Amino acid sequence: MVVGVLKLNLLLPENHSLKGKRGVLKRIQAQVANQFNISVTECGDQDLWQSAVLGFGVVGTSQPILEATLQNVVEFVDAMGLAEVGRAETEFYHC
């Protein structure tokens, strides 16, 4: 079993409140979870208006498939146009 974790930094330059940030993040989280059936949560920069860190988790049997899935998540979030995608860090844990 392989666990893949993606940490994705997002920039929200047009945002001017925490309430606005939460709305954008909820849309991203819901659409990614629906499209890819993976876990997603906000895991950093909770108190900043124009920055966010989302964490994505996926479990499978093949690391290359998980890598492709997580790369597709990054591309999907970028294509949504709701936030600017910054640094993306991926880690894999073999159980």
N, C-alpha and C. Protein backbone atom coordinates (compact mmCIF):
# COMPACT_ATOMS: atom_id res chain seq x y z
N MET A 1 0.85 -1.18 0.00
CA MET A 1 0.00 0.00 0.00
C MET A 1 0.90 1.23 0.00
N VAL A 2 0.49 2.24 -0.76
CA VAL A 2 1.22 3.50 -0.86
C VAL A 2 0.26 4.64 -0.51
N VAL A 3 0.75 5.59 0.30
CA VAL A 3 -0.02 6.78 0.64
C VAL A 3 0.68 7.97 0.00
N GLY A 4 -0.06 8.73 -0.78
CA GLY A 4 0.48 9.93 -1.42
C GLY A 4 -0.10 11.17 -0.77
N VAL A 5 0.78 12.13 -0.48
CA VAL A 5 0.37 13.37 0.16
C VAL A 5 0.88 14.54 -0.68
N LEU A 6 -0.02 15.46 -1.00
CA LEU A 6 0.32 16.66 -1.76
C LEU A 6 0.05 17.87 -0.88
N LYS A 7 1.04 18.73 -0.76
CA LYS A 7 0.90 20.00 -0.05
C LYS A 7 0.98 21.09 -1.10
N LEU A 8 -0.11 21.85 -1.27
CA LEU A 8 -0.22 22.82 -2.35
C LEU A 8 -0.42 24.23 -1.78
N ASN A 9 0.53 25.10 -2.10
CA ASN A 9 0.44 26.50 -1.67
C ASN A 9 -0.36 27.27 -2.71
N LEU A 10 -1.30 28.07 -2.24
CA LEU A 10 -2.14 28.87 -3.11
C LEU A 10 -2.04 30.35 -2.74
N LEU A 11 -2.11 31.20 -3.75
CA LEU A 11 -2.14 32.64 -3.55
C LEU A 11 -3.51 33.14 -4.00
N LEU A 12 -4.09 34.01 -3.18
CA LEU A 12 -5.40 34.59 -3.46
C LEU A 12 -5.26 36.12 -3.47
N PRO A 13 -4.61 36.70 -4.48
CA PRO A 13 -4.29 38.13 -4.44
C PRO A 13 -5.50 39.05 -4.47
N GLU A 14 -6.62 38.59 -4.99
CA GLU A 14 -7.82 39.42 -5.08
C GLU A 14 -8.65 39.39 -3.79
N ASN A 15 -8.27 38.55 -2.85
CA ASN A 15 -9.06 38.34 -1.65
C ASN A 15 -8.75 39.39 -0.58
N HIS A 16 -9.81 39.83 0.14
CA HIS A 16 -9.62 40.87 1.16
C HIS A 16 -10.26 40.52 2.50
N SER A 17 -10.60 39.26 2.72
CA SER A 17 -11.16 38.86 4.01
C SER A 17 -11.02 37.35 4.19
N LEU A 18 -11.07 36.92 5.44
CA LEU A 18 -11.04 35.48 5.72
C LEU A 18 -12.30 34.79 5.21
N LYS A 19 -13.43 35.52 5.27
CA LYS A 19 -14.68 34.95 4.79
C LYS A 19 -14.61 34.67 3.28
N GLY A 20 -14.05 35.59 2.52
CA GLY A 20 -13.87 35.39 1.09
C GLY A 20 -12.93 34.24 0.80
N LYS A 21 -11.86 34.15 1.58
CA LYS A 21 -10.90 33.06 1.42
C LYS A 21 -11.58 31.72 1.65
N ARG A 22 -12.35 31.61 2.71
CA ARG A 22 -13.03 30.35 3.02
C ARG A 22 -13.96 29.93 1.89
N GLY A 23 -14.65 30.89 1.29
CA GLY A 23 -15.54 30.58 0.18
C GLY A 23 -14.79 29.99 -1.01
N VAL A 24 -13.66 30.59 -1.35
CA VAL A 24 -12.84 30.09 -2.46
C VAL A 24 -12.33 28.68 -2.14
N LEU A 25 -11.82 28.50 -0.93
CA LEU A 25 -11.26 27.20 -0.55
C LEU A 25 -12.32 26.11 -0.52
N LYS A 26 -13.51 26.44 -0.05
CA LYS A 26 -14.59 25.44 -0.03
C LYS A 26 -14.95 25.00 -1.44
N ARG A 27 -14.96 25.93 -2.39
CA ARG A 27 -15.25 25.57 -3.78
C ARG A 27 -14.16 24.65 -4.34
N ILE A 28 -12.91 24.99 -4.07
CA ILE A 28 -11.80 24.16 -4.55
C ILE A 28 -11.87 22.77 -3.92
N GLN A 29 -12.05 22.72 -2.61
CA GLN A 29 -12.10 21.44 -1.90
C GLN A 29 -13.23 20.57 -2.41
N ALA A 30 -14.41 21.13 -2.58
CA ALA A 30 -15.56 20.34 -3.01
C ALA A 30 -15.36 19.80 -4.43
N GLN A 31 -14.86 20.64 -5.33
CA GLN A 31 -14.71 20.20 -6.72
C GLN A 31 -13.60 19.16 -6.86
N VAL A 32 -12.49 19.33 -6.12
CA VAL A 32 -11.41 18.34 -6.18
C VAL A 32 -11.86 17.01 -5.58
N ALA A 33 -12.52 17.07 -4.43
CA ALA A 33 -12.99 15.83 -3.79
C ALA A 33 -13.98 15.10 -4.69
N ASN A 34 -14.84 15.86 -5.37
CA ASN A 34 -15.83 15.25 -6.26
C ASN A 34 -15.17 14.67 -7.52
N GLN A 35 -14.23 15.39 -8.10
CA GLN A 35 -13.59 14.96 -9.34
C GLN A 35 -12.65 13.78 -9.15
N PHE A 36 -11.87 13.78 -8.04
CA PHE A 36 -10.81 12.79 -7.87
C PHE A 36 -11.07 11.80 -6.73
N ASN A 37 -12.09 12.03 -5.94
CA ASN A 37 -12.43 11.15 -4.82
C ASN A 37 -11.23 10.97 -3.87
N ILE A 38 -10.61 12.10 -3.51
CA ILE A 38 -9.50 12.07 -2.57
C ILE A 38 -9.80 13.00 -1.40
N SER A 39 -9.04 12.86 -0.33
CA SER A 39 -9.21 13.71 0.85
C SER A 39 -8.49 15.03 0.64
N VAL A 40 -9.10 16.10 1.15
CA VAL A 40 -8.50 17.43 1.04
C VAL A 40 -8.87 18.25 2.27
N THR A 41 -7.90 19.03 2.76
CA THR A 41 -8.15 19.90 3.90
C THR A 41 -7.22 21.09 3.85
N GLU A 42 -7.61 22.17 4.50
CA GLU A 42 -6.73 23.32 4.65
C GLU A 42 -5.76 22.99 5.78
N CYS A 43 -4.47 23.13 5.51
CA CYS A 43 -3.48 22.71 6.51
C CYS A 43 -2.40 23.75 6.79
N GLY A 44 -2.65 24.98 6.40
CA GLY A 44 -1.67 26.02 6.70
C GLY A 44 -2.17 27.39 6.29
N ASP A 45 -1.54 28.42 6.86
CA ASP A 45 -1.88 29.82 6.57
C ASP A 45 -3.34 30.14 6.83
N GLN A 46 -3.92 29.54 7.87
CA GLN A 46 -5.34 29.73 8.15
C GLN A 46 -5.71 31.18 8.47
N ASP A 47 -4.79 31.94 9.03
CA ASP A 47 -5.10 33.31 9.43
C ASP A 47 -4.71 34.37 8.41
N LEU A 48 -4.19 33.94 7.27
CA LEU A 48 -3.80 34.90 6.23
C LEU A 48 -4.89 35.02 5.18
N TRP A 49 -5.17 36.21 4.74
CA TRP A 49 -6.24 36.46 3.78
C TRP A 49 -5.90 36.02 2.37
N GLN A 50 -4.65 36.20 1.96
CA GLN A 50 -4.30 36.01 0.57
C GLN A 50 -3.38 34.82 0.32
N SER A 51 -3.31 33.92 1.27
CA SER A 51 -2.47 32.74 1.14
C SER A 51 -3.16 31.55 1.79
N ALA A 52 -2.95 30.37 1.21
CA ALA A 52 -3.54 29.16 1.77
C ALA A 52 -2.66 27.97 1.44
N VAL A 53 -2.75 26.97 2.28
CA VAL A 53 -2.07 25.70 2.01
C VAL A 53 -3.13 24.61 2.12
N LEU A 54 -3.28 23.85 1.04
CA LEU A 54 -4.21 22.73 1.05
C LEU A 54 -3.41 21.43 1.04
N GLY A 55 -3.90 20.45 1.79
CA GLY A 55 -3.29 19.13 1.81
C GLY A 55 -4.24 18.12 1.19
N PHE A 56 -3.69 17.27 0.33
CA PHE A 56 -4.47 16.25 -0.36
C PHE A 56 -3.87 14.89 -0.03
N GLY A 57 -4.71 13.91 0.22
CA GLY A 57 -4.23 12.57 0.52
C GLY A 57 -4.94 11.53 -0.32
N VAL A 58 -4.15 10.54 -0.80
CA VAL A 58 -4.71 9.48 -1.62
C VAL A 58 -3.97 8.18 -1.30
N VAL A 59 -4.68 7.07 -1.33
CA VAL A 59 -4.12 5.76 -1.01
C VAL A 59 -4.31 4.85 -2.21
N GLY A 60 -3.28 4.05 -2.51
CA GLY A 60 -3.37 3.11 -3.61
C GLY A 60 -2.28 2.06 -3.53
N THR A 61 -2.12 1.33 -4.60
CA THR A 61 -1.13 0.25 -4.61
C THR A 61 0.07 0.57 -5.50
N SER A 62 -0.01 1.63 -6.31
CA SER A 62 1.04 1.94 -7.26
C SER A 62 1.45 3.41 -7.15
N GLN A 63 2.71 3.65 -6.83
CA GLN A 63 3.18 5.02 -6.70
C GLN A 63 3.06 5.82 -8.00
N PRO A 64 3.39 5.26 -9.17
CA PRO A 64 3.24 6.05 -10.41
C PRO A 64 1.80 6.51 -10.65
N ILE A 65 0.83 5.69 -10.32
CA ILE A 65 -0.57 6.09 -10.49
C ILE A 65 -0.92 7.21 -9.53
N LEU A 66 -0.44 7.11 -8.29
CA LEU A 66 -0.71 8.16 -7.31
C LEU A 66 -0.02 9.47 -7.71
N GLU A 67 1.20 9.37 -8.23
CA GLU A 67 1.91 10.56 -8.71
C GLU A 67 1.11 11.26 -9.81
N ALA A 68 0.62 10.49 -10.75
CA ALA A 68 -0.17 11.05 -11.85
C ALA A 68 -1.46 11.69 -11.33
N THR A 69 -2.10 11.04 -10.39
CA THR A 69 -3.33 11.58 -9.81
C THR A 69 -3.07 12.91 -9.13
N LEU A 70 -2.01 12.98 -8.31
CA LEU A 70 -1.71 14.23 -7.60
C LEU A 70 -1.28 15.33 -8.56
N GLN A 71 -0.59 15.00 -9.63
CA GLN A 71 -0.23 16.00 -10.64
C GLN A 71 -1.49 16.50 -11.34
N ASN A 72 -2.43 15.61 -11.60
CA ASN A 72 -3.70 16.01 -12.19
C ASN A 72 -4.48 16.95 -11.26
N VAL A 73 -4.37 16.73 -9.95
CA VAL A 73 -5.02 17.61 -8.98
C VAL A 73 -4.44 19.02 -9.10
N VAL A 74 -3.12 19.13 -9.16
CA VAL A 74 -2.46 20.43 -9.29
C VAL A 74 -2.95 21.14 -10.56
N GLU A 75 -2.98 20.43 -11.66
CA GLU A 75 -3.42 21.01 -12.93
C GLU A 75 -4.90 21.41 -12.88
N PHE A 76 -5.71 20.59 -12.22
CA PHE A 76 -7.15 20.87 -12.09
C PHE A 76 -7.37 22.15 -11.29
N VAL A 77 -6.68 22.28 -10.15
CA VAL A 77 -6.82 23.47 -9.30
C VAL A 77 -6.35 24.71 -10.08
N ASP A 78 -5.26 24.59 -10.80
CA ASP A 78 -4.76 25.71 -11.59
C ASP A 78 -5.76 26.11 -12.66
N ALA A 79 -6.36 25.13 -13.33
CA ALA A 79 -7.32 25.40 -14.40
C ALA A 79 -8.62 26.03 -13.88
N MET A 80 -8.94 25.81 -12.61
CA MET A 80 -10.14 26.40 -12.04
C MET A 80 -10.06 27.92 -12.05
N GLY A 81 -8.87 28.47 -11.90
CA GLY A 81 -8.69 29.91 -11.96
C GLY A 81 -9.14 30.67 -10.72
N LEU A 82 -9.42 29.97 -9.64
CA LEU A 82 -9.87 30.62 -8.41
C LEU A 82 -8.71 31.12 -7.56
N ALA A 83 -7.54 30.55 -7.76
CA ALA A 83 -6.35 30.91 -6.99
C ALA A 83 -5.12 30.64 -7.84
N GLU A 84 -4.05 31.34 -7.53
CA GLU A 84 -2.78 31.09 -8.21
C GLU A 84 -2.06 29.95 -7.50
N VAL A 85 -1.66 28.95 -8.25
CA VAL A 85 -0.96 27.80 -7.67
C VAL A 85 0.50 28.17 -7.47
N GLY A 86 0.97 27.96 -6.25
CA GLY A 86 2.37 28.19 -5.93
C GLY A 86 3.12 26.87 -5.87
N ARG A 87 3.89 26.69 -4.83
CA ARG A 87 4.70 25.49 -4.68
C ARG A 87 3.83 24.26 -4.39
N ALA A 88 4.21 23.16 -5.00
CA ALA A 88 3.53 21.88 -4.77
C ALA A 88 4.58 20.86 -4.31
N GLU A 89 4.36 20.29 -3.13
CA GLU A 89 5.28 19.29 -2.59
C GLU A 89 4.54 17.96 -2.46
N THR A 90 5.16 16.90 -2.95
CA THR A 90 4.55 15.58 -2.91
C THR A 90 5.45 14.63 -2.13
N GLU A 91 4.82 13.81 -1.28
CA GLU A 91 5.55 12.80 -0.53
C GLU A 91 4.78 11.48 -0.63
N PHE A 92 5.52 10.37 -0.56
CA PHE A 92 4.89 9.05 -0.62
C PHE A 92 5.39 8.22 0.55
N TYR A 93 4.49 7.48 1.13
CA TYR A 93 4.79 6.60 2.26
C TYR A 93 4.39 5.18 1.87
N HIS A 94 5.32 4.26 1.99
CA HIS A 94 5.07 2.86 1.65
C HIS A 94 4.79 2.09 2.94
N CYS A 95 3.66 1.44 2.97
CA CYS A 95 3.26 0.69 4.17
C CYS A 95 3.35 -0.81 3.93
